[in-house]
Amino acid sequence: MPTIRRFEDLEAWREARTLVRAVYAVSGAGAFARDLGLRDQIQRASVSAMSNIAEGFERGGKVEFRRFLSMARGSAGEVKSQLYVALDAGHLDRPSFDVLYAQAETVSNLIGGLMRYLSTTAHP
């Protein structure tokens, strides 16, 4: 793995940022925008995934970073669950759901890979 100097260098953080932009784009329009509870919750969950990656990285310790990655992965799962609510409520069509779900799954998988890497490395 190349040396990571900033959280912005992490692929997981960059993909989480992409997810945030996509969630804000779809949840800020039409009926989705008027469903204030769901809109705010899915936006917060996507931002939480991105933010926890950054915060954990900045904490400086491997154990602490892994703990924050676990929270970030949970938030990505929350986004996936809320996408089903949006689909079922008619706020998303199936193609939009599929794209967003795949992005959230990518974020979750990247975070999981980073967690596994941290568990198997010897450095602090």
C-alpha atoms as a PDB file:
ATOM      1  CA  MET A   1       0.000   0.000   0.000  1.00  0.00           C
ATOM      2  CA  PRO A   2       1.451   3.411  -0.907  1.00  0.00           C
ATOM      3  CA  THR A   3       2.199   5.861   1.873  1.00  0.00           C
ATOM      4  CA  ILE A   4      -0.905   7.765   2.837  1.00  0.00           C
ATOM      5  CA  ARG A   5      -0.133  11.221   4.167  1.00  0.00           C
ATOM      6  CA  ARG A   6      -3.599  12.782   4.266  1.00  0.00           C
ATOM      7  CA  PHE A   7      -7.088  11.388   4.568  1.00  0.00           C
ATOM      8  CA  GLU A   8      -7.764  12.805   1.100  1.00  0.00           C
ATOM      9  CA  ASP A   9      -5.299  10.213  -0.235  1.00  0.00           C
ATOM     10  CA  LEU A  10      -7.550   7.354   0.914  1.00  0.00           C
ATOM     11  CA  GLU A  11      -9.626   5.833  -1.852  1.00  0.00           C
ATOM     12  CA  ALA A  12     -12.347   5.037   0.682  1.00  0.00           C
ATOM     13  CA  TRP A  13     -12.647   8.731   1.613  1.00  0.00           C
ATOM     14  CA  ARG A  14     -12.708   9.832  -2.036  1.00  0.00           C
ATOM     15  CA  GLU A  15     -15.465   7.319  -2.857  1.00  0.00           C
ATOM     16  CA  ALA A  16     -17.402   8.389   0.239  1.00  0.00           C
ATOM     17  CA  ARG A  17     -17.182  11.982  -1.000  1.00  0.00           C
ATOM     18  CA  THR A  18     -18.602  10.856  -4.347  1.00  0.00           C
ATOM     19  CA  LEU A  19     -21.437   9.140  -2.479  1.00  0.00           C
ATOM     20  CA  VAL A  20     -22.199  12.340  -0.524  1.00  0.00           C
ATOM     21  CA  ARG A  21     -22.416  14.372  -3.734  1.00  0.00           C
ATOM     22  CA  ALA A  22     -24.743  11.805  -5.307  1.00  0.00           C
ATOM     23  CA  VAL A  23     -26.973  11.573  -2.228  1.00  0.00           C
ATOM     24  CA  TYR A  24     -27.278  15.355  -2.017  1.00  0.00           C
ATOM     25  CA  ALA A  25     -28.111  15.570  -5.721  1.00  0.00           C
ATOM     26  CA  VAL A  26     -30.983  13.085  -5.589  1.00  0.00           C
ATOM     27  CA  SER A  27     -32.312  14.006  -2.161  1.00  0.00           C
ATOM     28  CA  GLY A  28     -32.384  17.703  -2.947  1.00  0.00           C
ATOM     29  CA  ALA A  29     -34.960  17.443  -5.716  1.00  0.00           C
ATOM     30  CA  GLY A  30     -38.639  16.652  -6.113  1.00  0.00           C
ATOM     31  CA  ALA A  31     -40.609  14.643  -3.589  1.00  0.00           C
ATOM     32  CA  PHE A  32     -37.384  13.429  -1.952  1.00  0.00           C
ATOM     33  CA  ALA A  33     -36.526  17.021  -0.998  1.00  0.00           C
ATOM     34  CA  ARG A  34     -39.931  17.434   0.631  1.00  0.00           C
ATOM     35  CA  ASP A  35     -39.543  14.282   2.740  1.00  0.00           C
ATOM     36  CA  LEU A  36     -37.527  16.186   5.316  1.00  0.00           C
ATOM     37  CA  GLY A  37     -36.934  13.325   7.722  1.00  0.00           C
ATOM     38  CA  LEU A  38     -35.624  10.876   5.138  1.00  0.00           C
ATOM     39  CA  ARG A  39     -33.731  13.554   3.234  1.00  0.00           C
ATOM     40  CA  ASP A  40     -31.928  14.774   6.330  1.00  0.00           C
ATOM     41  CA  GLN A  41     -31.208  11.260   7.618  1.00  0.00           C
ATOM     42  CA  ILE A  42     -29.710   9.929   4.389  1.00  0.00           C
ATOM     43  CA  GLN A  43     -27.650  13.090   3.972  1.00  0.00           C
ATOM     44  CA  ARG A  44     -26.345  12.827   7.550  1.00  0.00           C
ATOM     45  CA  ALA A  45     -25.523   9.136   7.125  1.00  0.00           C
ATOM     46  CA  SER A  46     -23.557   9.732   3.932  1.00  0.00           C
ATOM     47  CA  VAL A  47     -21.666  12.647   5.489  1.00  0.00           C
ATOM     48  CA  SER A  48     -21.004  10.523   8.570  1.00  0.00           C
ATOM     49  CA  ALA A  49     -19.304   7.837   6.475  1.00  0.00           C
ATOM     50  CA  MET A  50     -17.008  10.386   4.859  1.00  0.00           C
ATOM     51  CA  SER A  51     -16.353  12.293   8.097  1.00  0.00           C
ATOM     52  CA  ASN A  52     -15.576   9.236  10.217  1.00  0.00           C
ATOM     53  CA  ILE A  53     -12.925   8.114   7.747  1.00  0.00           C
ATOM     54  CA  ALA A  54     -11.276  11.530   7.999  1.00  0.00           C
ATOM     55  CA  GLU A  55     -11.630  11.825  11.762  1.00  0.00           C
ATOM     56  CA  GLY A  56     -10.246   8.372  12.417  1.00  0.00           C
ATOM     57  CA  PHE A  57      -7.273   9.018  10.162  1.00  0.00           C
ATOM     58  CA  GLU A  58      -6.513  12.295  11.897  1.00  0.00           C
ATOM     59  CA  ARG A  59      -6.576  10.649  15.323  1.00  0.00           C
ATOM     60  CA  GLY A  60      -3.232   9.075  14.439  1.00  0.00           C
ATOM     61  CA  GLY A  61      -3.523   5.640  16.020  1.00  0.00           C
ATOM     62  CA  LYS A  62      -4.327   2.397  14.259  1.00  0.00           C
ATOM     63  CA  VAL A  63      -6.795   1.182  16.901  1.00  0.00           C
ATOM     64  CA  GLU A  64      -8.625   4.500  16.960  1.00  0.00           C
ATOM     65  CA  PHE A  65      -8.646   4.686  13.156  1.00  0.00           C
ATOM     66  CA  ARG A  66     -10.142   1.207  12.918  1.00  0.00           C
ATOM     67  CA  ARG A  67     -12.877   2.168  15.426  1.00  0.00           C
ATOM     68  CA  PHE A  68     -13.855   5.183  13.323  1.00  0.00           C
ATOM     69  CA  LEU A  69     -13.762   3.078  10.168  1.00  0.00           C
ATOM     70  CA  SER A  70     -16.239   0.727  11.803  1.00  0.00           C
ATOM     71  CA  MET A  71     -18.587   3.667  12.406  1.00  0.00           C
ATOM     72  CA  ALA A  72     -18.072   4.843   8.817  1.00  0.00           C
ATOM     73  CA  ARG A  73     -18.948   1.413   7.492  1.00  0.00           C
ATOM     74  CA  GLY A  74     -22.072   1.381   9.628  1.00  0.00           C
ATOM     75  CA  SER A  75     -23.079   4.733   8.164  1.00  0.00           C
ATOM     76  CA  ALA A  76     -22.600   3.391   4.632  1.00  0.00           C
ATOM     77  CA  GLY A  77     -24.922   0.529   5.582  1.00  0.00           C
ATOM     78  CA  GLU A  78     -27.427   3.049   6.895  1.00  0.00           C
ATOM     79  CA  VAL A  79     -27.356   4.832   3.523  1.00  0.00           C
ATOM     80  CA  LYS A  80     -28.094   1.525   1.773  1.00  0.00           C
ATOM     81  CA  SER A  81     -31.059   0.872   4.047  1.00  0.00           C
ATOM     82  CA  GLN A  82     -32.432   4.370   3.559  1.00  0.00           C
ATOM     83  CA  LEU A  83     -32.149   3.973  -0.190  1.00  0.00           C
ATOM     84  CA  TYR A  84     -34.714   1.187   0.089  1.00  0.00           C
ATOM     85  CA  VAL A  85     -37.020   3.548   1.968  1.00  0.00           C
ATOM     86  CA  ALA A  86     -36.595   6.143  -0.783  1.00  0.00           C
ATOM     87  CA  LEU A  87     -37.264   3.524  -3.468  1.00  0.00           C
ATOM     88  CA  ASP A  88     -40.344   2.199  -1.690  1.00  0.00           C
ATOM     89  CA  ALA A  89     -41.672   5.732  -1.127  1.00  0.00           C
ATOM     90  CA  GLY A  90     -41.321   6.511  -4.837  1.00  0.00           C
ATOM     91  CA  HIS A  91     -38.569   9.091  -4.317  1.00  0.00           C
ATOM     92  CA  LEU A  92     -36.128   7.109  -6.476  1.00  0.00           C
ATOM     93  CA  ASP A  93     -36.554   5.090  -9.621  1.00  0.00           C
ATOM     94  CA  ARG A  94     -34.862   1.696  -9.815  1.00  0.00           C
ATOM     95  CA  PRO A  95     -31.911   2.800 -12.005  1.00  0.00           C
ATOM     96  CA  SER A  96     -31.089   5.678  -9.622  1.00  0.00           C
ATOM     97  CA  PHE A  97     -31.410   3.336  -6.646  1.00  0.00           C
ATOM     98  CA  ASP A  98     -29.064   0.825  -8.285  1.00  0.00           C
ATOM     99  CA  VAL A  99     -26.383   3.457  -8.975  1.00  0.00           C
ATOM    100  CA  LEU A 100     -26.520   4.876  -5.455  1.00  0.00           C
ATOM    101  CA  TYR A 101     -26.642   1.457  -3.830  1.00  0.00           C
ATOM    102  CA  ALA A 102     -23.584   0.343  -5.811  1.00  0.00           C
ATOM    103  CA  GLN A 103     -21.714   3.480  -4.732  1.00  0.00           C
ATOM    104  CA  ALA A 104     -22.587   2.889  -1.072  1.00  0.00           C
ATOM    105  CA  GLU A 105     -21.514  -0.750  -1.444  1.00  0.00           C
ATOM    106  CA  THR A 106     -18.194   0.363  -2.943  1.00  0.00           C
ATOM    107  CA  VAL A 107     -17.614   2.671   0.012  1.00  0.00           C
ATOM    108  CA  SER A 108     -18.456  -0.118   2.456  1.00  0.00           C
ATOM    109  CA  ASN A 109     -16.138  -2.579   0.710  1.00  0.00           C
ATOM    110  CA  LEU A 110     -13.248  -0.105   0.607  1.00  0.00           C
ATOM    111  CA  ILE A 111     -13.673   0.658   4.297  1.00  0.00           C
ATOM    112  CA  GLY A 112     -13.762  -3.061   5.055  1.00  0.00           C
ATOM    113  CA  GLY A 113     -10.566  -3.589   3.097  1.00  0.00           C
ATOM    114  CA  LEU A 114      -8.868  -0.782   4.970  1.00  0.00           C
ATOM    115  CA  MET A 115     -10.019  -2.270   8.281  1.00  0.00           C
ATOM    116  CA  ARG A 116      -8.583  -5.669   7.308  1.00  0.00           C
ATOM    117  CA  TYR A 117      -5.310  -4.037   6.293  1.00  0.00           C
ATOM    118  CA  LEU A 118      -5.053  -2.229   9.637  1.00  0.00           C
ATOM    119  CA  SER A 119      -5.739  -5.484  11.481  1.00  0.00           C
ATOM    120  CA  THR A 120      -2.889  -7.303   9.762  1.00  0.00           C
ATOM    121  CA  THR A 121      -0.156  -4.635   9.870  1.00  0.00           C
ATOM    122  CA  ALA A 122       2.314  -4.232  12.685  1.00  0.00           C
ATOM    123  CA  HIS A 123       2.746  -0.447  12.652  1.00  0.00           C
ATOM    124  CA  PRO A 124       0.791   1.681  15.162  1.00  0.00           C
END
